């Protein structure tokens, strides 16, 4: 077993940018997201039936792109560890990967692992999720942020304090050298200026503080109210100030409207991205559990997603 470093947090929290920085360090190998490790684990961190997991990997875009060897004779725990071993082809001192889903379960698979939790203003996270079409409104757009906080709470009960480092996305953007030095110290390596070489090897630019707190310009008062109502005291606990928007009254009628607009918003986004026919086929294959159709459609969706990855 290896003792990896995991970068965890909510989607749209800046994990891709930070991962690129870390991966540029000459002593660290930090490839992309590896959600396929924990995605099928349940709330008790129990692994899925091994054949179900093998079947799942046949459709997972990220797993397929990694060209990893699937050893069907291994148990789930041995198999996911083998994936990490395969990834570290350069045999560098530090290996890590990014996971957003069920990341508390990683502590059960790798008890000695280290974790970097990156968090961002939930209003910017929700805004980004809506912009990408992952959510139909900010009420649902902030759900991933809330789930990440729940995973973090569980994780903290499973590891020692020195296994976890909490980093603010805003601090990273305002002072990259200081925060990266802190991360390197936590990982156990010296800071390297090469961590900024990611600019030459990706489509990402050097962090610019002017892009922080975009929610102030791009969200309506109502959208801000929805987010702040849902996150409650977690907002101030993470060091963010609440807006001056008055509190809202939440009732069954509002929740119903928000649920409908979320479904319609996501559906509309999927149709724009993939086309109506492909969306319909995906729904039919999933609902009727037609494996051949599901695989055919999923591979087409994977290709479209691959082309859109920044």
Protein backbone atom coordinates (compact mmCIF):
# COMPACT_ATOMS: atom_id res chain seq x y z
CA UNK A 1 0.00 0.00 0.00
CA UNK A 2 1.15 3.54 -0.76
CA UNK A 3 0.33 6.63 1.30
CA UNK A 4 -1.01 9.16 -1.20
CA UNK A 5 -1.96 12.81 -0.85
CA UNK A 6 -5.55 13.65 -1.75
CA UNK A 7 -6.79 17.05 -2.88
CA UNK A 8 -10.44 17.19 -1.87
CA UNK A 9 -13.31 19.69 -1.82
CA UNK A 10 -16.38 20.69 -3.79
CA UNK A 11 -16.47 20.85 -7.56
CA UNK A 12 -15.78 24.39 -8.86
CA UNK A 13 -13.67 25.23 -5.80
CA UNK A 14 -10.45 25.69 -7.75
CA UNK A 15 -9.14 22.15 -7.35
CA UNK A 16 -8.05 21.90 -10.99
CA UNK A 17 -5.89 25.02 -10.72
CA UNK A 18 -4.29 23.88 -7.47
CA UNK A 19 -3.75 20.37 -8.83
CA UNK A 20 -1.89 21.76 -11.85
CA UNK A 21 0.36 23.76 -9.54
CA UNK A 22 1.12 20.76 -7.34
CA UNK A 23 1.67 18.45 -10.31
CA UNK A 24 4.26 20.87 -11.71
CA UNK A 25 6.49 20.23 -8.70
CA UNK A 26 9.45 18.05 -9.82
CA UNK A 27 9.00 15.64 -6.89
CA UNK A 28 5.23 15.21 -7.13
CA UNK A 29 2.99 13.33 -9.54
CA UNK A 30 -0.58 14.60 -9.30
CA UNK A 31 -2.76 13.53 -12.25
CA UNK A 32 -6.39 14.55 -12.72
CA UNK A 33 -9.53 13.61 -10.84
CA UNK A 34 -10.11 10.02 -9.71
CA UNK A 35 -13.76 10.03 -8.70
CA UNK A 36 -14.04 6.45 -9.94
CA UNK A 37 -12.34 5.31 -6.72
CA UNK A 38 -15.09 6.38 -4.31
CA UNK A 39 -18.12 7.07 -6.48
CA UNK A 40 -19.87 3.74 -5.78
CA UNK A 41 -18.98 3.54 -2.08
CA UNK A 42 -21.98 4.01 0.21
CA UNK A 43 -22.43 6.30 3.23
CA UNK A 44 -20.80 3.69 5.47
CA UNK A 45 -17.78 3.60 3.16
CA UNK A 46 -18.51 0.03 2.17
CA UNK A 47 -17.17 -0.92 -1.27
CA UNK A 48 -19.56 -1.94 -4.05
CA UNK A 49 -19.80 -5.56 -5.21
CA UNK A 50 -16.67 -6.12 -7.24
CA UNK A 51 -18.47 -7.09 -10.47
CA UNK A 52 -20.68 -4.02 -10.22
CA UNK A 53 -17.53 -1.93 -9.88
CA UNK A 54 -15.94 -3.59 -12.91
CA UNK A 55 -19.07 -2.85 -14.95
CA UNK A 56 -19.08 0.77 -13.77
CA UNK A 57 -15.49 1.30 -14.89
CA UNK A 58 -16.43 0.30 -18.44
CA UNK A 59 -18.45 3.54 -18.72
CA UNK A 60 -16.38 5.96 -16.67
CA UNK A 61 -14.75 8.56 -18.93
CA UNK A 62 -11.85 9.43 -16.64
CA UNK A 63 -10.96 5.80 -15.95
CA UNK A 64 -11.04 4.95 -19.64
CA UNK A 65 -8.81 7.90 -20.50
CA UNK A 66 -6.21 6.87 -17.93
CA UNK A 67 -5.54 3.55 -19.75
CA UNK A 68 -5.24 1.71 -16.46
CA UNK A 69 -5.12 -2.08 -16.31
CA UNK A 70 -8.09 -3.66 -14.56
CA UNK A 71 -6.91 -6.71 -12.62
CA UNK A 72 -10.13 -8.65 -12.06
CA UNK A 73 -8.48 -10.96 -9.51
CA UNK A 74 -7.99 -8.20 -6.94
CA UNK A 75 -10.33 -7.14 -4.15
CA UNK A 76 -11.77 -3.64 -4.30
CA UNK A 77 -9.22 -2.19 -1.85
CA UNK A 78 -6.28 -3.87 -3.56
CA UNK A 79 -7.59 -2.82 -6.97
CA UNK A 80 -7.92 0.91 -6.26
CA UNK A 81 -4.49 0.89 -4.62
CA UNK A 82 -3.14 -0.81 -7.73
CA UNK A 83 -4.58 2.03 -9.82
CA UNK A 84 -2.55 4.56 -7.84
CA UNK A 85 0.59 2.46 -8.17
CA UNK A 86 0.07 2.26 -11.94
CA UNK A 87 -0.39 6.04 -12.15
CA UNK A 88 2.94 6.85 -10.52
CA UNK A 89 4.96 5.69 -13.53
CA UNK A 90 7.86 8.04 -12.70
CA UNK A 91 8.10 6.64 -9.16
CA UNK A 92 8.27 10.13 -7.67
CA UNK A 93 8.45 10.60 -3.87
CA UNK A 94 4.92 12.02 -3.62
CA UNK A 95 1.81 10.81 -5.43
CA UNK A 96 -1.65 12.30 -5.22
CA UNK A 97 -4.96 12.77 -6.97
CA UNK A 98 -8.15 14.85 -6.74
CA UNK A 99 -11.47 13.49 -5.47
CA UNK A 100 -14.70 15.40 -4.79
CA UNK A 101 -17.18 12.57 -4.12
CA UNK A 102 -17.34 10.54 -0.88
CA UNK A 103 -13.80 11.59 -0.08
CA UNK A 104 -14.15 10.75 3.61
CA UNK A 105 -14.08 7.10 2.54
CA UNK A 106 -10.50 7.53 1.35
CA UNK A 107 -9.39 7.44 4.99
CA UNK A 108 -10.74 3.92 5.26
CA UNK A 109 -8.85 2.81 2.16
CA UNK A 110 -5.62 4.67 3.03
CA UNK A 111 -5.52 5.33 6.81
CA UNK A 112 -2.15 7.13 6.61
CA UNK A 113 -3.01 9.38 3.67
CA UNK A 114 -2.77 13.17 3.81
CA UNK A 115 -5.60 15.46 2.75
CA UNK A 116 -5.65 18.99 1.37
CA UNK A 117 -9.15 20.43 1.63
CA UNK A 118 -9.67 23.38 -0.70
CA UNK A 119 -12.73 25.51 -0.04
CA UNK A 120 -14.17 28.54 -1.82
CA UNK A 121 -16.94 31.07 -1.21
CA UNK A 122 -20.12 29.00 -1.70
CA UNK A 123 -21.76 31.85 -3.61
CA UNK A 124 -19.06 31.64 -6.29
CA UNK A 125 -19.29 27.85 -6.31
CA UNK A 126 -23.06 27.92 -6.79
CA UNK A 127 -22.79 30.57 -9.50
CA UNK A 128 -20.27 28.45 -11.39
CA UNK A 129 -22.41 25.31 -11.13
CA UNK A 130 -25.39 27.15 -12.60
CA UNK A 131 -23.28 28.67 -15.37
CA UNK A 132 -22.06 25.21 -16.39
CA UNK A 133 -25.60 23.84 -16.39
CA UNK A 134 -24.92 21.41 -13.57
CA UNK A 135 -27.72 23.05 -11.58
CA UNK A 136 -30.82 24.96 -12.62
CA UNK A 137 -30.60 27.55 -9.85
CA UNK A 138 -28.31 28.57 -6.99
CA UNK A 139 -30.45 26.79 -4.38
CA UNK A 140 -29.33 23.52 -5.93
CA UNK A 141 -26.02 24.96 -7.14
CA UNK A 142 -24.70 25.09 -3.58
CA UNK A 143 -25.54 21.45 -2.80
CA UNK A 144 -22.10 20.20 -3.84
CA UNK A 145 -20.47 22.69 -1.48
CA UNK A 146 -22.67 21.51 1.39
CA UNK A 147 -21.91 17.85 0.64
CA UNK A 148 -18.17 18.60 0.66
CA UNK A 149 -18.53 20.14 4.12
CA UNK A 150 -20.36 17.02 5.28
CA UNK A 151 -17.62 14.79 3.86
CA UNK A 152 -15.03 16.95 5.61
CA UNK A 153 -16.81 16.61 8.94
CA UNK A 154 -16.79 12.81 8.59
CA UNK A 155 -13.17 12.79 7.46
CA UNK A 156 -12.01 14.76 10.49
CA UNK A 157 -13.39 12.04 12.73
CA UNK A 158 -11.40 9.36 10.89
CA UNK A 159 -7.93 10.92 10.77
CA UNK A 160 -5.49 12.81 13.00
CA UNK A 161 -5.20 16.63 12.73
CA UNK A 162 -1.74 16.45 11.17
CA UNK A 163 -3.18 14.52 8.21
CA UNK A 164 -5.36 17.44 7.10
CA UNK A 165 -4.60 20.88 5.69
CA UNK A 166 -7.41 23.38 5.03
CA UNK A 167 -6.76 25.93 2.28
CA UNK A 168 -8.90 28.85 1.17
CA UNK A 169 -9.16 29.33 -2.59
CA UNK A 170 -9.20 33.06 -2.03
CA UNK A 171 -5.92 32.90 -0.08
CA UNK A 172 -4.38 30.79 -2.85
CA UNK A 173 -5.33 33.37 -5.48
CA UNK A 174 -4.16 36.35 -3.42
CA UNK A 175 -0.80 34.88 -2.43
CA UNK A 176 0.14 31.74 -4.42
CA UNK A 177 3.81 31.46 -3.26
CA UNK A 178 2.88 31.61 0.43
CA UNK A 179 0.08 29.07 0.16
CA UNK A 180 2.06 26.71 -2.07
CA UNK A 181 4.95 26.85 0.40
CA UNK A 182 2.51 25.90 3.15
CA UNK A 183 1.24 22.99 1.05
CA UNK A 184 4.75 21.78 0.27
CA UNK A 185 5.67 21.86 3.94
CA UNK A 186 2.57 19.80 4.71
CA UNK A 187 3.40 17.27 1.99
CA UNK A 188 7.04 17.04 3.01
CA UNK A 189 8.88 18.64 0.09
CA UNK A 190 10.57 21.99 -0.53
CA UNK A 191 8.71 24.69 -2.43
CA UNK A 192 9.74 24.93 -6.08
CA UNK A 193 9.25 27.82 -8.50
CA UNK A 194 8.51 25.17 -11.11
CA UNK A 195 5.03 24.94 -9.57
CA UNK A 196 4.18 27.95 -11.72
CA UNK A 197 5.18 26.16 -14.92
CA UNK A 198 1.56 25.01 -15.20
CA UNK A 199 0.96 28.20 -17.21
CA UNK A 200 3.07 26.77 -20.03
CA UNK A 201 1.49 23.32 -19.95
CA UNK A 202 -2.22 24.09 -19.57
CA UNK A 203 -4.91 26.57 -20.56
CA UNK A 204 -4.89 28.12 -17.08
CA UNK A 205 -3.36 31.53 -16.36
CA UNK A 206 -1.57 32.84 -13.29
CA UNK A 207 -4.12 33.54 -10.50
CA UNK A 208 -5.69 37.00 -10.68
CA UNK A 209 -7.47 38.35 -7.56
CA UNK A 210 -9.76 40.53 -9.68
CA UNK A 211 -11.81 37.43 -10.45
CA UNK A 212 -12.62 36.74 -6.80
CA UNK A 213 -16.13 37.32 -5.38
CA UNK A 214 -17.75 37.40 -8.80
CA UNK A 215 -21.04 36.55 -7.13
CA UNK A 216 -21.37 40.19 -6.06
CA UNK A 217 -21.68 41.23 -9.71
CA UNK A 218 -23.32 38.23 -11.29
CA UNK A 219 -25.95 36.99 -8.83
CA UNK A 220 -29.31 38.57 -8.17
CA UNK A 221 -30.35 39.43 -4.59
CA UNK A 222 -32.75 36.48 -4.65
CA UNK A 223 -30.05 34.03 -5.78
CA UNK A 224 -27.78 35.23 -2.99
CA UNK A 225 -30.58 34.79 -0.47
CA UNK A 226 -31.14 31.19 -1.52
CA UNK A 227 -27.46 30.31 -1.06
CA UNK A 228 -27.02 32.07 2.27
CA UNK A 229 -30.18 30.49 3.64
CA UNK A 230 -28.95 27.00 2.76
CA UNK A 231 -25.37 27.31 4.03
CA UNK A 232 -26.35 29.14 7.23
CA UNK A 233 -23.58 29.44 9.82
CA UNK A 234 -21.13 27.52 7.63
CA UNK A 235 -20.61 30.73 5.69
CA UNK A 236 -19.08 32.61 8.61
CA UNK A 237 -17.35 29.45 9.89
CA UNK A 238 -15.35 29.41 6.66
CA UNK A 239 -14.52 33.08 7.06
CA UNK A 240 -16.97 34.63 4.59
CA UNK A 241 -19.18 37.60 5.40
CA UNK A 242 -22.89 37.40 4.69
CA UNK A 243 -24.40 39.89 2.27
CA UNK A 244 -26.83 42.58 3.37
CA UNK A 245 -29.74 40.74 1.79
CA UNK A 246 -32.66 40.21 4.20
CA UNK A 247 -33.54 36.61 5.19
CA UNK A 248 -36.10 34.77 3.08
CA UNK A 249 -39.18 32.78 4.01
CA UNK A 250 -38.89 29.20 2.76
CA UNK A 251 -42.09 27.24 2.27
CA UNK A 252 -43.31 24.23 0.32
CA UNK A 253 -44.39 26.36 -2.63
CA UNK A 254 -40.93 27.91 -3.02
CA UNK A 255 -39.20 24.55 -2.67
CA UNK A 256 -41.48 23.08 -5.34
CA UNK A 257 -40.74 25.92 -7.73
CA UNK A 258 -37.01 25.60 -7.14
CA UNK A 259 -37.11 21.84 -7.73
CA UNK A 260 -38.95 22.24 -11.03
CA UNK A 261 -36.67 25.04 -12.26
CA UNK A 262 -33.63 22.94 -11.34
CA UNK A 263 -34.84 19.95 -13.37
CA UNK A 264 -35.81 22.11 -16.36
CA UNK A 265 -32.62 24.14 -16.20
CA UNK A 266 -30.39 21.07 -16.15
CA UNK A 267 -32.38 19.40 -18.93
CA UNK A 268 -32.18 22.50 -21.11
CA UNK A 269 -28.42 22.68 -20.56
CA UNK A 270 -27.94 19.01 -21.44
CA UNK A 271 -29.94 19.40 -24.65
CA UNK A 272 -27.83 22.39 -25.69
CA UNK A 273 -24.64 20.51 -24.92
CA UNK A 274 -25.40 17.02 -26.23
CA UNK A 275 -28.43 17.38 -28.49
CA UNK A 276 -32.02 16.27 -27.88
CA UNK A 277 -31.69 12.78 -29.38
CA UNK A 278 -28.65 11.86 -27.28
CA UNK A 279 -30.28 13.13 -24.09
CA UNK A 280 -33.42 11.06 -24.80
CA UNK A 281 -31.36 7.94 -25.52
CA UNK A 282 -29.41 8.43 -22.29
CA UNK A 283 -32.64 8.65 -20.27
CA UNK A 284 -34.12 5.57 -21.98
CA UNK A 285 -30.97 3.50 -21.50
CA UNK A 286 -30.67 4.48 -17.84
CA UNK A 287 -34.34 4.05 -16.94
CA UNK A 288 -34.81 0.75 -18.79
CA UNK A 289 -31.32 -0.50 -17.83
CA UNK A 290 -30.42 -1.45 -21.40
CA UNK A 291 -26.68 -2.08 -21.05
CA UNK A 292 -25.81 -2.03 -24.75
CA UNK A 293 -27.64 1.26 -25.31
CA UNK A 294 -26.28 2.74 -22.11
CA UNK A 295 -22.70 1.96 -23.10
CA UNK A 296 -23.12 3.28 -26.63
CA UNK A 297 -24.63 6.55 -25.42
CA UNK A 298 -22.17 6.93 -22.56
CA UNK A 299 -19.19 6.65 -24.90
CA UNK A 300 -20.64 9.41 -27.08
CA UNK A 301 -21.26 11.60 -24.03
CA UNK A 302 -17.71 10.92 -22.84
CA UNK A 303 -16.28 12.13 -26.13
CA UNK A 304 -18.26 15.37 -26.00
CA UNK A 305 -17.18 15.95 -22.38
CA UNK A 306 -13.57 15.21 -23.24
CA UNK A 307 -13.60 17.88 -25.92
CA UNK A 308 -15.00 20.43 -23.46
CA UNK A 309 -12.48 19.78 -20.69
CA UNK A 310 -10.31 22.82 -20.10
